[in-house]
């Protein structure tokens, strides 16, 4: 498939009003896990991004995290340079190849979550990024 050449000089920032986690078993051998962050109506300029992984990977080889900009506008595998999470926001930076496909260099997504929902989001993100060197969780400093 040929990807359109997009200018990737931008950062997209938004406050998520939707934070969803899922684990769906498609058959006894494949499960999809993931999380979704979004705001507004994606058909009217809202931002919605999914981060998923097949467990076990369908091909037997890990292709990288599947990232979808909704509504099915862009789908890429891997290409995340940095994915860092804090209690109230995350930053996702794409490598050059993925930036040219998504048209985005960096996502900055803020959220307001209960401590249990934050723990669940961090846990699911750790599963989705499964050992990827780009993944970071920053815990608040204990006093």
C-alpha atoms as a PDB file:
ATOM      1  CA  UNK A   1       0.000   0.000   0.000  1.00  0.00           C
ATOM      2  CA  UNK A   2       1.274   3.467  -0.829  1.00  0.00           C
ATOM      3  CA  UNK A   3       0.937   5.999   1.946  1.00  0.00           C
ATOM      4  CA  UNK A   4       0.230   9.624   1.135  1.00  0.00           C
ATOM      5  CA  UNK A   5       3.117  11.908   1.957  1.00  0.00           C
ATOM      6  CA  UNK A   6       1.946  14.118   4.803  1.00  0.00           C
ATOM      7  CA  UNK A   7       3.650  17.042   6.416  1.00  0.00           C
ATOM      8  CA  UNK A   8       4.578  15.902   9.918  1.00  0.00           C
ATOM      9  CA  UNK A   9       5.581  19.146  11.515  1.00  0.00           C
ATOM     10  CA  UNK A  10       2.833  19.260  14.082  1.00  0.00           C
ATOM     11  CA  UNK A  11       1.945  18.292  17.597  1.00  0.00           C
ATOM     12  CA  UNK A  12      -1.636  17.360  18.387  1.00  0.00           C
ATOM     13  CA  UNK A  13      -2.756  18.154  21.927  1.00  0.00           C
ATOM     14  CA  UNK A  14      -6.137  17.376  23.420  1.00  0.00           C
ATOM     15  CA  UNK A  15      -7.904  16.556  26.674  1.00  0.00           C
ATOM     16  CA  UNK A  16      -9.438  13.083  26.484  1.00  0.00           C
ATOM     17  CA  UNK A  17     -13.074  12.880  27.482  1.00  0.00           C
ATOM     18  CA  UNK A  18     -13.089   9.196  26.530  1.00  0.00           C
ATOM     19  CA  UNK A  19     -10.644   6.669  27.983  1.00  0.00           C
ATOM     20  CA  UNK A  20     -11.500   3.046  27.247  1.00  0.00           C
ATOM     21  CA  UNK A  21      -9.643  -0.217  27.818  1.00  0.00           C
ATOM     22  CA  UNK A  22     -10.488  -3.551  26.290  1.00  0.00           C
ATOM     23  CA  UNK A  23      -9.516  -7.167  25.989  1.00  0.00           C
ATOM     24  CA  UNK A  24     -11.439  -9.096  23.352  1.00  0.00           C
ATOM     25  CA  UNK A  25     -10.993 -12.788  22.631  1.00  0.00           C
ATOM     26  CA  UNK A  26     -11.656 -13.464  18.951  1.00  0.00           C
ATOM     27  CA  UNK A  27     -11.063 -17.187  19.150  1.00  0.00           C
ATOM     28  CA  UNK A  28      -9.234 -19.513  21.492  1.00  0.00           C
ATOM     29  CA  UNK A  29      -5.884 -18.530  19.971  1.00  0.00           C
ATOM     30  CA  UNK A  30      -6.104 -14.762  19.577  1.00  0.00           C
ATOM     31  CA  UNK A  31      -6.998 -11.906  21.848  1.00  0.00           C
ATOM     32  CA  UNK A  32      -6.773  -8.185  21.159  1.00  0.00           C
ATOM     33  CA  UNK A  33      -5.891  -5.867  24.015  1.00  0.00           C
ATOM     34  CA  UNK A  34      -5.835  -2.125  23.854  1.00  0.00           C
ATOM     35  CA  UNK A  35      -6.841   1.315  24.938  1.00  0.00           C
ATOM     36  CA  UNK A  36      -8.550   4.258  23.312  1.00  0.00           C
ATOM     37  CA  UNK A  37      -8.253   7.968  24.098  1.00  0.00           C
ATOM     38  CA  UNK A  38     -10.454  10.532  22.439  1.00  0.00           C
ATOM     39  CA  UNK A  39     -12.256  13.826  22.536  1.00  0.00           C
ATOM     40  CA  UNK A  40     -15.135  15.203  20.528  1.00  0.00           C
ATOM     41  CA  UNK A  41     -16.627  13.833  17.345  1.00  0.00           C
ATOM     42  CA  UNK A  42     -13.934  12.368  15.067  1.00  0.00           C
ATOM     43  CA  UNK A  43     -16.120  13.170  12.056  1.00  0.00           C
ATOM     44  CA  UNK A  44     -16.032  16.853  13.032  1.00  0.00           C
ATOM     45  CA  UNK A  45     -12.366  17.318  13.897  1.00  0.00           C
ATOM     46  CA  UNK A  46     -12.264  15.470  17.219  1.00  0.00           C
ATOM     47  CA  UNK A  47      -9.234  13.328  17.994  1.00  0.00           C
ATOM     48  CA  UNK A  48      -9.509   9.602  18.717  1.00  0.00           C
ATOM     49  CA  UNK A  49      -6.493   7.266  18.894  1.00  0.00           C
ATOM     50  CA  UNK A  50      -6.383   3.499  19.543  1.00  0.00           C
ATOM     51  CA  UNK A  51      -3.322   1.559  20.690  1.00  0.00           C
ATOM     52  CA  UNK A  52      -3.683  -2.222  20.400  1.00  0.00           C
ATOM     53  CA  UNK A  53      -1.812  -5.495  20.226  1.00  0.00           C
ATOM     54  CA  UNK A  54      -2.743  -9.052  19.299  1.00  0.00           C
ATOM     55  CA  UNK A  55      -1.864 -11.666  21.895  1.00  0.00           C
ATOM     56  CA  UNK A  56      -0.361 -13.877  20.605  1.00  0.00           C
ATOM     57  CA  UNK A  57       0.527 -11.999  17.448  1.00  0.00           C
ATOM     58  CA  UNK A  58      -1.298 -13.431  14.437  1.00  0.00           C
ATOM     59  CA  UNK A  59       1.900 -14.031  12.471  1.00  0.00           C
ATOM     60  CA  UNK A  60       3.888 -15.411  15.372  1.00  0.00           C
ATOM     61  CA  UNK A  61       6.078 -12.312  15.175  1.00  0.00           C
ATOM     62  CA  UNK A  62       5.468  -9.063  17.006  1.00  0.00           C
ATOM     63  CA  UNK A  63       4.891  -6.292  14.437  1.00  0.00           C
ATOM     64  CA  UNK A  64       4.747  -3.478  16.952  1.00  0.00           C
ATOM     65  CA  UNK A  65       1.855  -1.705  18.554  1.00  0.00           C
ATOM     66  CA  UNK A  66      -1.032  -1.086  16.159  1.00  0.00           C
ATOM     67  CA  UNK A  67      -2.008   2.577  16.251  1.00  0.00           C
ATOM     68  CA  UNK A  68      -5.220   3.762  14.620  1.00  0.00           C
ATOM     69  CA  UNK A  69      -6.294   7.377  14.222  1.00  0.00           C
ATOM     70  CA  UNK A  70     -10.062   7.186  14.024  1.00  0.00           C
ATOM     71  CA  UNK A  71     -12.178   6.999  12.061  1.00  0.00           C
ATOM     72  CA  UNK A  72      -9.879   4.529  10.316  1.00  0.00           C
ATOM     73  CA  UNK A  73      -7.993   7.535   8.950  1.00  0.00           C
ATOM     74  CA  UNK A  74      -4.544   6.063   9.567  1.00  0.00           C
ATOM     75  CA  UNK A  75      -3.329   2.636  10.737  1.00  0.00           C
ATOM     76  CA  UNK A  76       0.349   2.012  11.498  1.00  0.00           C
ATOM     77  CA  UNK A  77       2.337  -0.714  13.249  1.00  0.00           C
ATOM     78  CA  UNK A  78       5.217   0.328  15.469  1.00  0.00           C
ATOM     79  CA  UNK A  79       7.096   3.524  14.819  1.00  0.00           C
ATOM     80  CA  UNK A  80       6.775   4.918  18.325  1.00  0.00           C
ATOM     81  CA  UNK A  81       9.965   6.655  19.426  1.00  0.00           C
ATOM     82  CA  UNK A  82       8.674   7.468  22.920  1.00  0.00           C
ATOM     83  CA  UNK A  83       5.476   6.710  24.813  1.00  0.00           C
ATOM     84  CA  UNK A  84       5.595   8.312  28.267  1.00  0.00           C
ATOM     85  CA  UNK A  85       2.755   8.373  30.800  1.00  0.00           C
ATOM     86  CA  UNK A  86       2.101  10.491  33.872  1.00  0.00           C
ATOM     87  CA  UNK A  87      -0.893  10.588  36.223  1.00  0.00           C
ATOM     88  CA  UNK A  88      -2.589  13.342  34.193  1.00  0.00           C
ATOM     89  CA  UNK A  89      -1.217  13.034  30.651  1.00  0.00           C
ATOM     90  CA  UNK A  90       0.806  11.091  28.118  1.00  0.00           C
ATOM     91  CA  UNK A  91       3.190  11.952  25.309  1.00  0.00           C
ATOM     92  CA  UNK A  92       3.561   9.783  22.211  1.00  0.00           C
ATOM     93  CA  UNK A  93       6.366  10.674  19.802  1.00  0.00           C
ATOM     94  CA  UNK A  94       6.548   9.000  16.391  1.00  0.00           C
ATOM     95  CA  UNK A  95       9.664   8.215  14.379  1.00  0.00           C
ATOM     96  CA  UNK A  96      10.136   9.889  10.991  1.00  0.00           C
ATOM     97  CA  UNK A  97       8.597   7.077   8.921  1.00  0.00           C
ATOM     98  CA  UNK A  98       5.487   6.893  11.100  1.00  0.00           C
ATOM     99  CA  UNK A  99       5.211  10.687  11.306  1.00  0.00           C
ATOM    100  CA  UNK A 100       5.057  10.840   7.531  1.00  0.00           C
ATOM    101  CA  UNK A 101       2.177   8.326   7.579  1.00  0.00           C
ATOM    102  CA  UNK A 102       0.212   9.874  10.462  1.00  0.00           C
ATOM    103  CA  UNK A 103       0.998  13.519   9.724  1.00  0.00           C
ATOM    104  CA  UNK A 104       1.830  13.866  13.428  1.00  0.00           C
ATOM    105  CA  UNK A 105       5.190  14.081  15.169  1.00  0.00           C
ATOM    106  CA  UNK A 106       3.851  14.127  18.720  1.00  0.00           C
ATOM    107  CA  UNK A 107       0.597  13.479  20.552  1.00  0.00           C
ATOM    108  CA  UNK A 108       0.037  15.169  23.907  1.00  0.00           C
ATOM    109  CA  UNK A 109      -3.080  13.785  25.578  1.00  0.00           C
ATOM    110  CA  UNK A 110      -4.259  14.933  28.985  1.00  0.00           C
ATOM    111  CA  UNK A 111      -6.818  13.078  31.085  1.00  0.00           C
ATOM    112  CA  UNK A 112      -8.436  13.196  34.511  1.00  0.00           C
ATOM    113  CA  UNK A 113      -8.820   9.702  35.943  1.00  0.00           C
ATOM    114  CA  UNK A 114      -9.608   8.129  39.280  1.00  0.00           C
ATOM    115  CA  UNK A 115      -6.631   6.361  40.825  1.00  0.00           C
ATOM    116  CA  UNK A 116      -8.106   2.948  39.952  1.00  0.00           C
ATOM    117  CA  UNK A 117      -8.789   3.940  36.305  1.00  0.00           C
ATOM    118  CA  UNK A 118      -5.260   5.403  36.078  1.00  0.00           C
ATOM    119  CA  UNK A 119      -3.810   2.144  37.440  1.00  0.00           C
ATOM    120  CA  UNK A 120      -5.877   0.175  34.895  1.00  0.00           C
ATOM    121  CA  UNK A 121      -4.738   2.440  32.017  1.00  0.00           C
ATOM    122  CA  UNK A 122      -1.073   2.163  33.044  1.00  0.00           C
ATOM    123  CA  UNK A 123      -1.416  -1.626  33.336  1.00  0.00           C
ATOM    124  CA  UNK A 124      -3.044  -1.988  29.933  1.00  0.00           C
ATOM    125  CA  UNK A 125      -0.505   0.331  28.274  1.00  0.00           C
ATOM    126  CA  UNK A 126       2.327  -1.748  29.778  1.00  0.00           C
ATOM    127  CA  UNK A 127       0.739  -4.895  28.296  1.00  0.00           C
ATOM    128  CA  UNK A 128       0.199  -3.281  24.887  1.00  0.00           C
ATOM    129  CA  UNK A 129       3.766  -1.954  24.709  1.00  0.00           C
ATOM    130  CA  UNK A 130       5.077  -5.285  26.111  1.00  0.00           C
ATOM    131  CA  UNK A 131       8.775  -4.638  26.606  1.00  0.00           C
ATOM    132  CA  UNK A 132       9.133  -1.907  23.972  1.00  0.00           C
ATOM    133  CA  UNK A 133      12.080   0.334  24.871  1.00  0.00           C
ATOM    134  CA  UNK A 134      10.036   3.456  24.101  1.00  0.00           C
ATOM    135  CA  UNK A 135       7.583   2.880  26.984  1.00  0.00           C
ATOM    136  CA  UNK A 136       7.873   4.898  30.206  1.00  0.00           C
ATOM    137  CA  UNK A 137       5.634   5.332  33.250  1.00  0.00           C
ATOM    138  CA  UNK A 138       6.389   8.245  35.564  1.00  0.00           C
ATOM    139  CA  UNK A 139       5.008   7.737  39.054  1.00  0.00           C
ATOM    140  CA  UNK A 140       4.492  10.703  41.367  1.00  0.00           C
ATOM    141  CA  UNK A 141       7.179  11.133  43.969  1.00  0.00           C
ATOM    142  CA  UNK A 142       6.264   9.693  47.339  1.00  0.00           C
ATOM    143  CA  UNK A 143       6.635  12.034  50.313  1.00  0.00           C
END
